[in-house]
Amino acid sequence: MGIIDTNRQRRLGGGGVRLGIVIPAVLALCSSLLAACGSGEADGTTKVTVGVADTIFDAPLRVADAKGYFRAAGLKVEFVDLPSSLDAAALESNSVQFLNSSPTTFINAVNRRIPQLAVSMDGAGAPLGLIVSTKFARAHHLTGSTPPAQVAEALRGSTGGASSTTTQGQAGIFLREYGVSPGTVRYVSLPSPAGDKAALTRNQIDWFVTSEPTPLVVQDDGDGVVVAGPDTVPAWSVTRTGYGQIVAVRKDYATQNAALVRRFVRAVQQGGAYIRGHESDVVDIVKSTFSSMADPILLASLRQVDWPETGAMSVDGWNTSMDFIKKTNAVPRGAELPSTNWTNEYLPR
């Protein structure tokens, strides 16, 4: 089996955290959301809390909530924005019952022997953008249609922004794809993609790589030019990057609440199916998360993700994902994903 169902509709488009440090913060979060921690509601629904990162990959969940798929499944969902450093502790403490997680975060948790289980894949690919400052673009005659090999050559001796080990590794994959050593580039560590944007605007860095929609927003503001993405860089394509987002739960929670997990996964799958056929409506829905962004930017970002027809995962798909993630150096050397940490058991039957 491949990464995702090959019969799907057209494409729309380091180290671990110490739980002893973050668990108190997560427990405080759970106290403030006590009513949301898997409780029953007067209307017969079950309230569950879902950890999200407020990225374009959350679209199937946002759609499932907006279109009533969760409610039809007997669920009332509360979304909690979590940094990846708190994901594992939040799930372990039952502050959240589900995580819409990146494969990198999930694999790091599994390799810290945290008993997480991937129960569905809800987005494939890496919707990355490499954006250069307008000053750098003019100096090197770069445009959105410049061949990526020429872009890579122009980056020799430049200064890039890196808001995480993952994004620096993804930039390295791009450079190596076109024979440019990452060692020829100087990186400035920045706290977030917003920090990348600010540094680029001030010409403190020449370029950066991160997930959309940030690069497109910078371009729309007139502060940069997007010169590479998954549509032009084979190493960033779906066939080479694998899974982009998965739904994770605690193993014991899945065992004890099997019917509930199945209902949740079915609703998310319905949300993904809706995305493929209702672009304009979905843009309106995700604007609740990205309220300041123009519709064309959100539409372009949605089209950079492959929204699967089913959440089914496979050995081949995980092997592809692991190969890409290991090349970013964002997981420990020798990291593995045992087959006991992912399953298709909870997919709709």
Protein backbone atom coordinates (compact mmCIF):
# COMPACT_ATOMS: atom_id res chain seq x y z
CA MET A 1 0.00 0.00 0.00
CA GLY A 2 1.23 3.49 -0.78
CA ILE A 3 1.40 6.58 1.34
CA ILE A 4 -2.24 7.44 0.74
CA ASP A 5 -5.04 5.90 -1.27
CA THR A 6 -3.97 6.19 -4.91
CA ASN A 7 -7.63 6.43 -5.91
CA ARG A 8 -8.09 9.67 -3.93
CA GLN A 9 -9.58 12.70 -5.65
CA ARG A 10 -7.29 15.32 -7.15
CA ARG A 11 -4.83 16.99 -4.87
CA LEU A 12 -5.92 20.36 -3.58
CA GLY A 13 -2.99 21.77 -4.65
CA GLY A 14 15.44 17.59 18.96
CA GLY A 15 15.34 16.14 22.01
CA GLY A 16 12.49 15.31 24.31
CA VAL A 17 10.94 17.63 26.82
CA ARG A 18 11.20 16.75 30.51
CA LEU A 19 7.74 15.77 31.68
CA GLY A 20 8.56 16.73 35.27
CA ILE A 21 8.84 20.32 34.12
CA VAL A 22 5.77 20.55 31.92
CA ILE A 23 3.25 18.30 33.70
CA PRO A 24 2.44 20.92 36.40
CA ALA A 25 1.61 23.42 33.66
CA VAL A 26 -0.51 20.85 31.88
CA LEU A 27 -2.33 19.89 35.07
CA ALA A 28 -3.16 23.55 35.54
CA LEU A 29 -4.52 23.57 32.00
CA CYS A 30 -6.66 20.54 32.79
CA SER A 31 -8.03 22.21 35.92
CA SER A 32 -9.16 25.18 33.86
CA LEU A 33 -10.75 22.81 31.34
CA LEU A 34 -12.10 20.26 33.78
CA ALA A 35 -15.48 20.23 32.13
CA ALA A 36 -13.81 19.42 28.82
CA CYS A 37 -11.75 16.43 29.97
CA GLY A 38 -13.90 13.61 28.57
CA SER A 39 -17.06 14.51 30.49
CA GLY A 40 -20.69 13.81 29.68
CA GLU A 41 -22.97 16.69 28.71
CA ALA A 42 -26.61 17.33 29.55
CA ASP A 43 -27.53 17.03 25.88
CA GLY A 44 -26.15 13.48 25.72
CA THR A 45 -22.90 14.33 23.94
CA THR A 46 -19.47 13.55 25.33
CA LYS A 47 -17.08 16.46 25.63
CA VAL A 48 -13.50 15.73 24.55
CA THR A 49 -10.51 18.03 24.35
CA VAL A 50 -8.23 18.06 21.32
CA GLY A 51 -4.70 19.46 21.19
CA VAL A 52 -4.00 21.38 17.98
CA ALA A 53 -1.19 23.61 16.74
CA ASP A 54 -3.36 26.06 14.76
CA THR A 55 -1.83 25.10 11.41
CA ILE A 56 -3.42 24.41 8.05
CA PHE A 57 -3.31 20.69 8.98
CA ASP A 58 -6.07 21.32 11.53
CA ALA A 59 -8.53 21.97 8.71
CA PRO A 60 -10.27 18.53 8.78
CA LEU A 61 -10.99 18.96 12.50
CA ARG A 62 -12.18 22.54 12.13
CA VAL A 63 -14.45 21.47 9.27
CA ALA A 64 -15.77 18.48 11.24
CA ASP A 65 -16.69 20.86 14.06
CA ALA A 66 -18.21 23.56 11.84
CA LYS A 67 -20.26 21.15 9.70
CA GLY A 68 -21.61 19.22 12.69
CA TYR A 69 -19.82 15.92 12.08
CA PHE A 70 -18.54 15.75 15.65
CA ARG A 71 -21.97 16.52 17.07
CA ALA A 72 -23.54 13.88 14.82
CA ALA A 73 -21.02 11.46 16.33
CA GLY A 74 -22.18 12.38 19.82
CA LEU A 75 -19.12 14.50 20.57
CA LYS A 76 -18.65 18.05 21.78
CA VAL A 77 -15.10 19.11 20.95
CA GLU A 78 -12.95 21.69 22.73
CA PHE A 79 -9.79 22.74 20.89
CA VAL A 80 -6.67 23.66 22.86
CA ASP A 81 -3.70 25.29 21.14
CA LEU A 82 -0.57 23.44 22.31
CA PRO A 83 3.11 23.86 21.47
CA SER A 84 4.68 20.55 20.44
CA SER A 85 6.77 20.56 23.63
CA LEU A 86 3.58 20.13 25.70
CA ASP A 87 1.78 17.58 23.49
CA ALA A 88 3.00 14.44 25.24
CA ALA A 89 2.44 15.71 28.77
CA ALA A 90 -1.02 17.02 27.90
CA LEU A 91 -2.06 13.65 26.52
CA GLU A 92 -0.54 11.69 29.42
CA SER A 93 -2.28 13.84 32.04
CA ASN A 94 -5.64 13.58 30.23
CA SER A 95 -5.70 17.35 29.71
CA VAL A 96 -6.45 16.40 26.12
CA GLN A 97 -7.81 13.12 24.86
CA PHE A 98 -6.71 13.55 21.24
CA LEU A 99 -3.77 15.20 19.51
CA ASN A 100 -3.68 16.38 15.92
CA SER A 101 0.04 15.79 15.83
CA SER A 102 2.94 16.05 13.42
CA PRO A 103 4.65 12.72 12.73
CA THR A 104 7.90 14.22 14.06
CA THR A 105 6.37 15.09 17.43
CA PHE A 106 4.68 11.68 17.57
CA ILE A 107 7.86 9.74 16.76
CA ASN A 108 9.83 11.68 19.36
CA ALA A 109 7.20 10.79 21.96
CA VAL A 110 7.22 7.12 21.03
CA ASN A 111 11.01 7.01 21.26
CA ARG A 112 10.78 8.42 24.80
CA ARG A 113 8.65 5.34 25.48
CA ILE A 114 5.47 7.36 25.88
CA PRO A 115 2.57 5.01 25.03
CA GLN A 116 0.94 6.98 22.23
CA LEU A 117 -1.04 5.40 19.41
CA ALA A 118 -1.62 6.86 15.94
CA VAL A 119 -5.21 6.02 14.96
CA SER A 120 -5.58 7.98 11.72
CA MET A 121 -3.66 10.01 9.14
CA ASP A 122 -5.54 13.19 8.25
CA GLY A 123 -3.10 15.01 5.95
CA ALA A 124 -0.19 14.04 3.70
CA GLY A 125 2.74 16.05 2.44
CA ALA A 126 4.88 18.94 3.66
CA PRO A 127 3.36 22.31 2.67
CA LEU A 128 6.70 24.11 2.85
CA GLY A 129 7.75 27.40 1.36
CA LEU A 130 11.22 28.87 0.90
CA ILE A 131 11.00 32.64 0.87
CA VAL A 132 13.81 35.09 0.19
CA SER A 133 13.79 38.79 1.05
CA THR A 134 12.90 41.21 -1.72
CA LYS A 135 16.43 42.64 -1.44
CA PHE A 136 18.00 39.20 -1.88
CA ALA A 137 15.62 38.37 -4.75
CA ARG A 138 16.60 41.52 -6.63
CA ALA A 139 20.32 41.00 -6.04
CA HIS A 140 20.20 37.41 -7.34
CA HIS A 141 17.46 37.85 -9.97
CA LEU A 142 15.13 35.35 -8.28
CA THR A 143 11.40 35.07 -8.95
CA GLY A 144 8.67 32.57 -8.20
CA SER A 145 9.44 30.84 -11.50
CA THR A 146 13.21 30.56 -11.04
CA PRO A 147 14.33 26.90 -11.29
CA PRO A 148 14.98 25.52 -7.78
CA ALA A 149 18.52 24.47 -8.72
CA GLN A 150 19.32 28.12 -9.49
CA VAL A 151 17.74 29.15 -6.18
CA ALA A 152 19.90 26.66 -4.29
CA GLU A 153 23.06 27.99 -5.92
CA ALA A 154 22.09 31.54 -5.00
CA LEU A 155 21.86 30.53 -1.34
CA ARG A 156 25.57 29.68 -1.10
CA GLY A 157 27.14 32.01 1.46
CA SER A 158 23.77 33.46 2.49
CA THR A 159 22.14 33.75 5.92
CA GLY A 160 19.03 31.72 6.60
CA GLY A 161 16.60 31.82 9.50
CA ALA A 162 15.87 28.66 11.49
CA SER A 163 13.00 28.61 13.97
CA SER A 164 13.47 24.90 14.76
CA THR A 165 15.69 21.90 14.10
CA THR A 166 12.99 20.60 11.78
CA THR A 167 12.84 23.67 9.50
CA GLN A 168 16.63 23.87 9.34
CA GLY A 169 16.70 20.20 8.38
CA GLN A 170 14.02 20.74 5.72
CA ALA A 171 16.13 23.54 4.25
CA GLY A 172 19.11 21.18 4.26
CA ILE A 173 17.13 18.60 2.30
CA PHE A 174 16.38 21.24 -0.33
CA LEU A 175 20.03 22.31 -0.62
CA ARG A 176 21.36 18.76 -0.87
CA GLU A 177 18.78 17.95 -3.55
CA TYR A 178 20.61 20.41 -5.81
CA GLY A 179 24.18 19.65 -4.79
CA VAL A 180 24.66 22.54 -2.34
CA SER A 181 26.15 21.68 1.05
CA PRO A 182 24.15 23.03 4.01
CA GLY A 183 27.53 23.91 5.48
CA THR A 184 27.86 26.74 2.95
CA VAL A 185 24.94 28.55 4.62
CA ARG A 186 24.97 30.43 7.92
CA TYR A 187 21.87 30.06 10.11
CA VAL A 188 20.42 32.43 12.66
CA SER A 189 18.32 30.73 15.35
CA LEU A 190 14.95 32.41 15.79
CA PRO A 191 12.12 31.62 18.22
CA SER A 192 9.30 31.06 15.76
CA PRO A 193 8.14 31.53 12.15
CA ALA A 194 6.95 34.97 13.27
CA GLY A 195 10.54 35.64 14.29
CA ASP A 196 11.68 34.49 10.85
CA LYS A 197 9.25 36.93 9.25
CA ALA A 198 10.41 39.84 11.40
CA ALA A 199 14.09 39.13 10.73
CA LEU A 200 13.49 38.85 6.98
CA THR A 201 11.58 42.12 6.92
CA ARG A 202 14.51 43.84 8.66
CA ASN A 203 17.01 42.18 6.27
CA GLN A 204 18.70 40.44 9.21
CA ILE A 205 18.39 37.18 7.29
CA ASP A 206 18.20 36.48 3.56
CA TRP A 207 15.64 33.66 3.59
CA PHE A 208 13.89 30.99 5.63
CA VAL A 209 11.89 27.80 5.21
CA THR A 210 8.70 27.04 7.11
CA SER A 211 5.21 25.64 6.56
CA GLU A 212 2.58 27.65 4.77
CA PRO A 213 0.80 29.98 5.11
CA THR A 214 3.61 32.08 6.67
CA PRO A 215 5.77 32.35 3.50
CA LEU A 216 2.76 33.33 1.39
CA VAL A 217 1.75 35.93 3.97
CA VAL A 218 5.24 37.48 3.84
CA GLN A 219 5.06 37.56 0.05
CA ASP A 220 1.59 39.11 0.14
CA ASP A 221 2.93 41.82 2.46
CA GLY A 222 5.59 42.65 -0.15
CA ASP A 223 8.52 41.64 2.08
CA GLY A 224 9.70 38.57 0.18
CA VAL A 225 9.34 36.18 -2.74
CA VAL A 226 8.42 32.49 -2.40
CA VAL A 227 10.93 30.74 -4.64
CA ALA A 228 10.42 27.05 -3.79
CA GLY A 229 7.66 24.74 -2.60
CA PRO A 230 6.49 21.11 -2.83
CA ASP A 231 5.18 21.66 -6.36
CA THR A 232 8.68 22.52 -7.64
CA VAL A 233 10.97 20.61 -5.26
CA PRO A 234 10.73 16.80 -5.63
CA ALA A 235 12.35 16.24 -2.22
CA TRP A 236 9.40 18.08 -0.62
CA SER A 237 6.71 16.26 -2.62
CA VAL A 238 4.11 13.98 -1.06
CA THR A 239 5.79 10.88 -2.49
CA ARG A 240 9.03 11.79 -0.67
CA THR A 241 7.69 13.32 2.57
CA GLY A 242 4.87 10.93 3.49
CA TYR A 243 2.42 11.75 6.24
CA GLY A 244 1.96 15.35 7.28
CA GLN A 245 -0.38 14.96 10.26
CA ILE A 246 -1.83 12.15 12.34
CA VAL A 247 -4.40 11.76 15.10
CA ALA A 248 -2.84 10.34 18.27
CA VAL A 249 -4.31 9.09 21.54
CA ARG A 250 -3.05 7.27 24.62
CA LYS A 251 -3.02 3.52 24.12
CA ASP A 252 -5.08 2.87 27.23
CA TYR A 253 -7.59 5.56 26.28
CA ALA A 254 -8.16 3.91 22.89
CA THR A 255 -8.65 0.51 24.52
CA GLN A 256 -11.10 1.84 27.11
CA ASN A 257 -13.01 4.11 24.71
CA ALA A 258 -12.86 2.24 21.41
CA ALA A 259 -16.32 3.28 20.18
CA LEU A 260 -15.69 6.94 21.02
CA VAL A 261 -12.32 6.92 19.21
CA ARG A 262 -13.97 5.39 16.15
CA ARG A 263 -16.63 8.11 16.14
CA PHE A 264 -13.96 10.80 16.44
CA VAL A 265 -11.89 9.36 13.59
CA ARG A 266 -14.98 9.04 11.38
CA ALA A 267 -15.87 12.70 11.92
CA VAL A 268 -12.32 13.82 11.08
CA GLN A 269 -12.38 11.69 7.93
CA GLN A 270 -15.68 13.32 6.94
CA GLY A 271 -14.05 16.72 7.47
CA GLY A 272 -11.21 15.78 5.15
CA ALA A 273 -13.64 14.56 2.50
CA TYR A 274 -15.53 17.85 2.66
CA ILE A 275 -12.34 19.83 2.03
CA ARG A 276 -11.81 18.16 -1.33
CA GLY A 277 -15.11 19.31 -2.77
CA HIS A 278 -15.89 22.63 -1.06
CA GLU A 279 -12.86 24.89 -1.26
CA SER A 280 -14.53 28.26 -0.80
CA ASP A 281 -16.59 27.10 2.15
CA VAL A 282 -13.53 25.57 3.81
CA VAL A 283 -11.60 28.82 3.40
CA ASP A 284 -14.39 30.58 5.31
CA ILE A 285 -14.19 27.95 8.05
CA VAL A 286 -10.42 28.08 8.57
CA LYS A 287 -10.51 31.87 8.61
CA SER A 288 -11.68 31.54 12.21
CA THR A 289 -8.11 30.43 12.93
CA PHE A 290 -6.31 32.63 10.38
CA SER A 291 -8.56 35.67 10.55
CA SER A 292 -6.00 38.17 9.26
CA MET A 293 -5.05 36.21 6.14
CA ALA A 294 -6.41 36.83 2.66
CA ASP A 295 -8.59 34.15 1.09
CA PRO A 296 -6.15 33.39 -1.79
CA ILE A 297 -3.39 32.65 0.74
CA LEU A 298 -5.56 30.22 2.67
CA LEU A 299 -6.73 28.55 -0.54
CA ALA A 300 -3.15 28.14 -1.78
CA SER A 301 -2.13 26.66 1.59
CA LEU A 302 -5.02 24.17 1.56
CA ARG A 303 -3.99 23.05 -1.92
CA GLN A 304 -0.46 22.20 -0.75
CA VAL A 305 -1.78 19.35 1.41
CA ASP A 306 -3.08 16.03 0.13
CA TRP A 307 -6.33 15.44 2.03
CA PRO A 308 -6.77 11.64 2.02
CA GLU A 309 -10.03 9.85 1.28
CA THR A 310 -9.41 7.61 4.28
CA GLY A 311 -7.16 7.85 7.31
CA ALA A 312 -5.58 4.48 6.58
CA MET A 313 -1.86 4.17 7.29
CA SER A 314 0.62 1.63 5.93
CA VAL A 315 4.12 0.31 6.47
CA ASP A 316 5.24 1.96 3.22
CA GLY A 317 3.72 5.26 4.25
CA TRP A 318 5.44 5.25 7.63
CA ASN A 319 8.75 4.18 6.07
CA THR A 320 8.57 7.16 3.70
CA SER A 321 7.69 9.50 6.56
CA MET A 322 10.50 8.16 8.76
CA ASP A 323 13.05 8.52 5.97
CA PHE A 324 12.13 12.18 5.41
CA ILE A 325 12.01 13.02 9.12
CA LYS A 326 15.37 11.39 9.82
CA LYS A 327 16.93 13.53 7.09
CA THR A 328 15.82 16.64 8.99
CA ASN A 329 17.74 15.48 12.09
CA ALA A 330 14.64 16.26 14.15
CA VAL A 331 14.47 12.81 15.78
CA PRO A 332 17.16 10.87 17.68
CA ARG A 333 19.58 8.81 15.64
CA GLY A 334 18.24 5.27 15.46
CA ALA A 335 14.64 6.37 16.12
CA GLU A 336 12.09 3.71 15.26
CA LEU A 337 8.31 3.40 15.08
CA PRO A 338 7.11 -0.02 16.30
CA SER A 339 4.02 -1.38 14.57
CA THR A 340 2.33 -1.46 17.99
CA ASN A 341 2.22 2.35 17.98
CA TRP A 342 -0.03 2.80 14.96
CA THR A 343 -3.20 1.05 13.83
CA ASN A 344 -6.08 1.22 11.36
CA GLU A 345 -8.35 -0.51 13.87
CA TYR A 346 -10.35 2.65 14.62
CA LEU A 347 -11.10 3.68 11.06
CA PRO A 348 -14.75 3.66 9.92
CA ARG A 349 -15.93 0.18 9.00
